Amino acid sequence: MRAVWCLGWCLGLCLLVRVATGAEIRVCAGRLVAIGKDTLSVKNDQGTCVLHIDAGTTIWRGEVLHDTSRLKIGDDIGARATVEYPGDELKAKDVSANVGHWEGVISKVVNKTVYLKFDKPVQGTGKVIFDAATDFRSCAFEDLKRDCTRDDLKAGHSLEVIGLVLGKRELRATKVLGIQNRWNDYPHNDHPRTRPN
């Protein structure tokens, strides 16, 4: 049987992938409306999908978990599941709750909190909270010669971060992807991108 790949994103609803073995992988995204002993019900504009979970399901809500104890009704959920036949049951492999990917310019740093002005097209500002668990290992500073550190969190620097959305404009950072100086922070013609080799 040849592999047929059908990828389609339906406004946060279903991504269907048919693999050579005949197994289907679906993605279900929306608001968490019910938590059962071994199920999660996620509602969106297309309806409700019921995800069956077991000990092998990885759940992320600010950290990796293997149970639903930290999930809350109303969480924004994105899940990858396989379809179990003949009943079309969705068996969840990975479930993520309230993931935020924010980018913007740091306007102020106060202790372990950074205030961020969002990059366009997003309007407004947000608050990013850093703690001991925030991972800087995937982040390279602009010149790519060293890793980012907490000391690089300065007003005027650009920040790209992933974390747990705590509120409409508040995020707990779990992973820093990038910190960069703005162009104006460099003396004329001394920006890493314009230096002669």
Protein backbone atom coordinates (compact mmCIF):
# COMPACT_ATOMS: atom_id res chain seq x y z
CA MET A 1 0.00 0.00 0.00
CA ARG A 2 1.54 3.29 -0.96
CA ALA A 3 1.65 6.16 1.49
CA VAL A 4 -0.87 8.89 0.93
CA TRP A 5 -0.25 12.14 2.75
CA CYS A 6 -3.13 14.51 3.12
CA LEU A 7 -2.29 17.60 5.11
CA GLY A 8 -4.92 20.17 5.85
CA TRP A 9 -5.39 22.58 8.70
CA CYS A 10 -9.03 23.31 9.41
CA LEU A 11 -8.96 26.37 11.69
CA GLY A 12 -7.57 24.47 14.64
CA LEU A 13 -9.53 21.30 14.03
CA CYS A 14 -8.14 18.35 12.14
CA LEU A 15 -4.92 17.50 10.46
CA LEU A 16 -5.23 14.16 8.74
CA VAL A 17 -2.24 12.09 7.78
CA ARG A 18 -2.63 8.64 6.26
CA VAL A 19 0.53 6.63 6.77
CA ALA A 20 1.73 3.61 4.75
CA THR A 21 0.43 1.25 7.43
CA GLY A 22 -3.07 2.66 7.09
CA ALA A 23 -2.98 4.37 10.49
CA GLU A 24 -4.35 7.89 10.67
CA ILE A 25 -2.97 10.70 12.78
CA ARG A 26 -5.33 13.55 13.61
CA VAL A 27 -4.79 16.80 15.39
CA CYS A 28 -7.58 18.17 17.52
CA ALA A 29 -7.44 21.71 18.90
CA GLY A 30 -9.84 23.88 20.85
CA ARG A 31 -11.11 24.56 24.39
CA LEU A 32 -11.06 21.82 27.00
CA VAL A 33 -14.70 21.29 28.06
CA ALA A 34 -14.54 18.02 30.03
CA ILE A 35 -11.97 15.88 31.82
CA GLY A 36 -12.87 12.22 32.37
CA LYS A 37 -10.97 9.39 34.00
CA ASP A 38 -9.28 8.51 30.70
CA THR A 39 -10.71 11.07 28.26
CA LEU A 40 -10.47 14.75 27.39
CA SER A 41 -13.24 16.52 25.46
CA VAL A 42 -12.09 19.41 23.28
CA LYS A 43 -14.60 21.75 21.61
CA ASN A 44 -14.10 24.07 18.66
CA ASP A 45 -16.18 25.59 15.84
CA GLN A 46 -16.45 22.20 14.10
CA GLY A 47 -17.75 20.27 17.12
CA THR A 48 -16.25 18.24 19.96
CA CYS A 49 -13.56 15.59 19.77
CA VAL A 50 -13.02 13.08 22.56
CA LEU A 51 -9.40 12.15 23.15
CA HIS A 52 -8.64 8.87 24.95
CA ILE A 53 -5.55 9.05 27.14
CA ASP A 54 -3.39 6.40 28.79
CA ALA A 55 -0.05 6.14 30.62
CA GLY A 56 1.80 6.62 27.30
CA THR A 57 0.17 9.99 26.59
CA THR A 58 2.51 12.95 27.08
CA ILE A 59 0.77 16.02 28.48
CA TRP A 60 2.40 19.48 28.55
CA ARG A 61 1.12 22.35 30.66
CA GLY A 62 4.24 24.33 31.49
CA GLU A 63 6.11 21.06 32.00
CA VAL A 64 5.85 17.47 30.80
CA LEU A 65 3.28 15.40 32.70
CA HIS A 66 1.79 11.95 32.32
CA ASP A 67 -1.62 12.61 33.87
CA THR A 68 -4.40 15.19 33.62
CA SER A 69 -4.12 16.57 37.17
CA ARG A 70 -2.83 20.01 36.05
CA LEU A 71 -5.28 20.49 33.17
CA LYS A 72 -8.20 22.88 33.71
CA ILE A 73 -11.54 23.33 32.01
CA GLY A 74 -11.13 26.20 29.53
CA ASP A 75 -7.50 25.42 28.68
CA ASP A 76 -6.53 25.87 25.01
CA ILE A 77 -5.66 22.36 23.86
CA GLY A 78 -3.74 21.05 20.88
CA ALA A 79 -3.41 17.27 20.63
CA ARG A 80 -1.99 14.70 18.24
CA ALA A 81 -3.84 11.38 18.22
CA THR A 82 -4.00 8.15 16.28
CA VAL A 83 -7.33 6.80 15.10
CA GLU A 84 -8.23 3.42 16.60
CA TYR A 85 -10.47 1.35 14.33
CA PRO A 86 -13.17 0.10 14.03
CA GLY A 87 -14.67 2.64 16.44
CA ASP A 88 -12.84 5.76 15.17
CA GLU A 89 -11.55 6.37 18.70
CA LEU A 90 -8.88 9.09 19.03
CA LYS A 91 -5.97 7.82 21.16
CA ALA A 92 -3.94 10.85 22.27
CA LYS A 93 -0.17 10.68 21.87
CA ASP A 94 0.69 14.28 22.79
CA VAL A 95 -1.50 16.92 24.45
CA SER A 96 -0.39 20.54 24.94
CA ALA A 97 -2.26 23.12 26.97
CA ASN A 98 -1.98 26.91 26.78
CA VAL A 99 1.21 27.07 24.71
CA GLY A 100 2.29 30.59 23.81
CA HIS A 101 4.96 31.64 21.30
CA TRP A 102 5.67 35.33 21.84
CA GLU A 103 7.99 37.74 20.04
CA GLY A 104 8.66 41.39 20.70
CA VAL A 105 10.96 44.06 22.09
CA ILE A 106 11.73 44.17 25.79
CA SER A 107 10.51 47.48 27.21
CA LYS A 108 11.37 46.88 30.88
CA VAL A 109 13.01 44.24 33.12
CA VAL A 110 12.01 43.97 36.79
CA ASN A 111 13.63 41.12 38.74
CA LYS A 112 12.51 37.90 36.96
CA THR A 113 9.83 39.63 34.88
CA VAL A 114 10.19 41.09 31.40
CA TYR A 115 7.66 43.47 29.85
CA LEU A 116 7.40 42.94 26.12
CA LYS A 117 6.00 45.10 23.31
CA PHE A 118 4.69 42.62 20.74
CA ASP A 119 5.99 42.60 17.19
CA LYS A 120 3.51 43.50 14.44
CA PRO A 121 0.84 42.49 13.54
CA VAL A 122 0.06 41.79 17.23
CA GLN A 123 -0.80 44.94 19.18
CA GLY A 124 -0.04 45.76 22.80
CA THR A 125 2.24 44.48 25.51
CA GLY A 126 2.68 41.38 27.63
CA LYS A 127 4.44 40.20 30.76
CA VAL A 128 6.90 37.28 30.60
CA ILE A 129 7.91 35.61 33.87
CA PHE A 130 11.21 33.73 34.09
CA ASP A 131 12.07 31.15 36.75
CA ALA A 132 14.81 28.62 37.53
CA ALA A 133 13.28 26.13 35.07
CA THR A 134 13.41 28.49 32.07
CA ASP A 135 15.59 26.84 29.41
CA PHE A 136 18.13 29.07 27.65
CA ARG A 137 20.01 26.13 26.04
CA SER A 138 18.29 26.45 22.63
CA CYS A 139 19.03 30.16 22.39
CA ALA A 140 21.99 31.69 20.61
CA PHE A 141 22.79 35.37 21.03
CA GLU A 142 22.79 37.47 17.88
CA ASP A 143 26.46 37.02 17.03
CA LEU A 144 25.97 33.21 17.32
CA LYS A 145 29.28 32.95 19.19
CA ARG A 146 27.68 32.27 22.57
CA ASP A 147 24.50 31.07 24.20
CA CYS A 148 21.94 33.49 25.60
CA THR A 149 21.84 34.09 29.33
CA ARG A 150 19.53 35.89 31.73
CA ASP A 151 21.95 38.84 31.55
CA ASP A 152 20.87 39.39 27.93
CA LEU A 153 17.32 40.24 29.04
CA LYS A 154 17.67 44.02 28.66
CA ALA A 155 15.36 46.80 27.57
CA GLY A 156 15.63 47.31 23.81
CA HIS A 157 16.57 43.72 23.01
CA SER A 158 14.26 41.56 20.90
CA LEU A 159 12.97 38.39 22.56
CA GLU A 160 11.42 35.20 21.18
CA VAL A 161 10.09 32.81 23.80
CA ILE A 162 7.77 29.81 24.25
CA GLY A 163 5.90 29.16 27.46
CA LEU A 164 2.70 28.60 29.39
CA VAL A 165 0.05 31.28 28.91
CA LEU A 166 -1.13 32.25 32.41
CA GLY A 167 -3.54 34.98 31.33
CA LYS A 168 -4.43 37.15 28.38
CA ARG A 169 -1.16 39.09 28.53
CA GLU A 170 0.99 36.91 30.83
CA LEU A 171 3.31 34.01 30.00
CA ARG A 172 5.63 31.84 32.11
CA ALA A 173 8.71 31.27 29.93
CA THR A 174 9.77 27.66 29.50
CA LYS A 175 12.18 28.04 26.57
CA VAL A 176 13.99 31.08 25.16
CA LEU A 177 14.50 30.79 21.40
CA GLY A 178 16.30 34.05 20.71
CA ILE A 179 17.53 37.34 22.13
CA GLN A 180 18.91 39.99 19.80
CA ASN A 181 20.19 43.54 20.05
CA ARG A 182 18.32 46.08 18.01
CA TRP A 183 20.16 47.63 15.06
CA ASN A 184 20.55 50.97 16.88
CA ASP A 185 22.43 49.32 19.76
CA TYR A 186 25.54 49.03 17.57
CA PRO A 187 27.92 51.82 16.57
CA HIS A 188 27.63 52.75 12.88
CA ASN A 189 28.73 49.84 10.60
CA ASP A 190 29.59 47.62 13.58
CA HIS A 191 26.48 45.41 13.46
CA PRO A 192 27.45 41.69 13.09
CA ARG A 193 25.53 41.53 9.80
CA THR A 194 27.50 44.44 8.26
CA ARG A 195 31.02 43.70 9.54
CA PRO A 196 33.53 42.79 6.82
CA ASN A 197 34.73 39.15 6.93
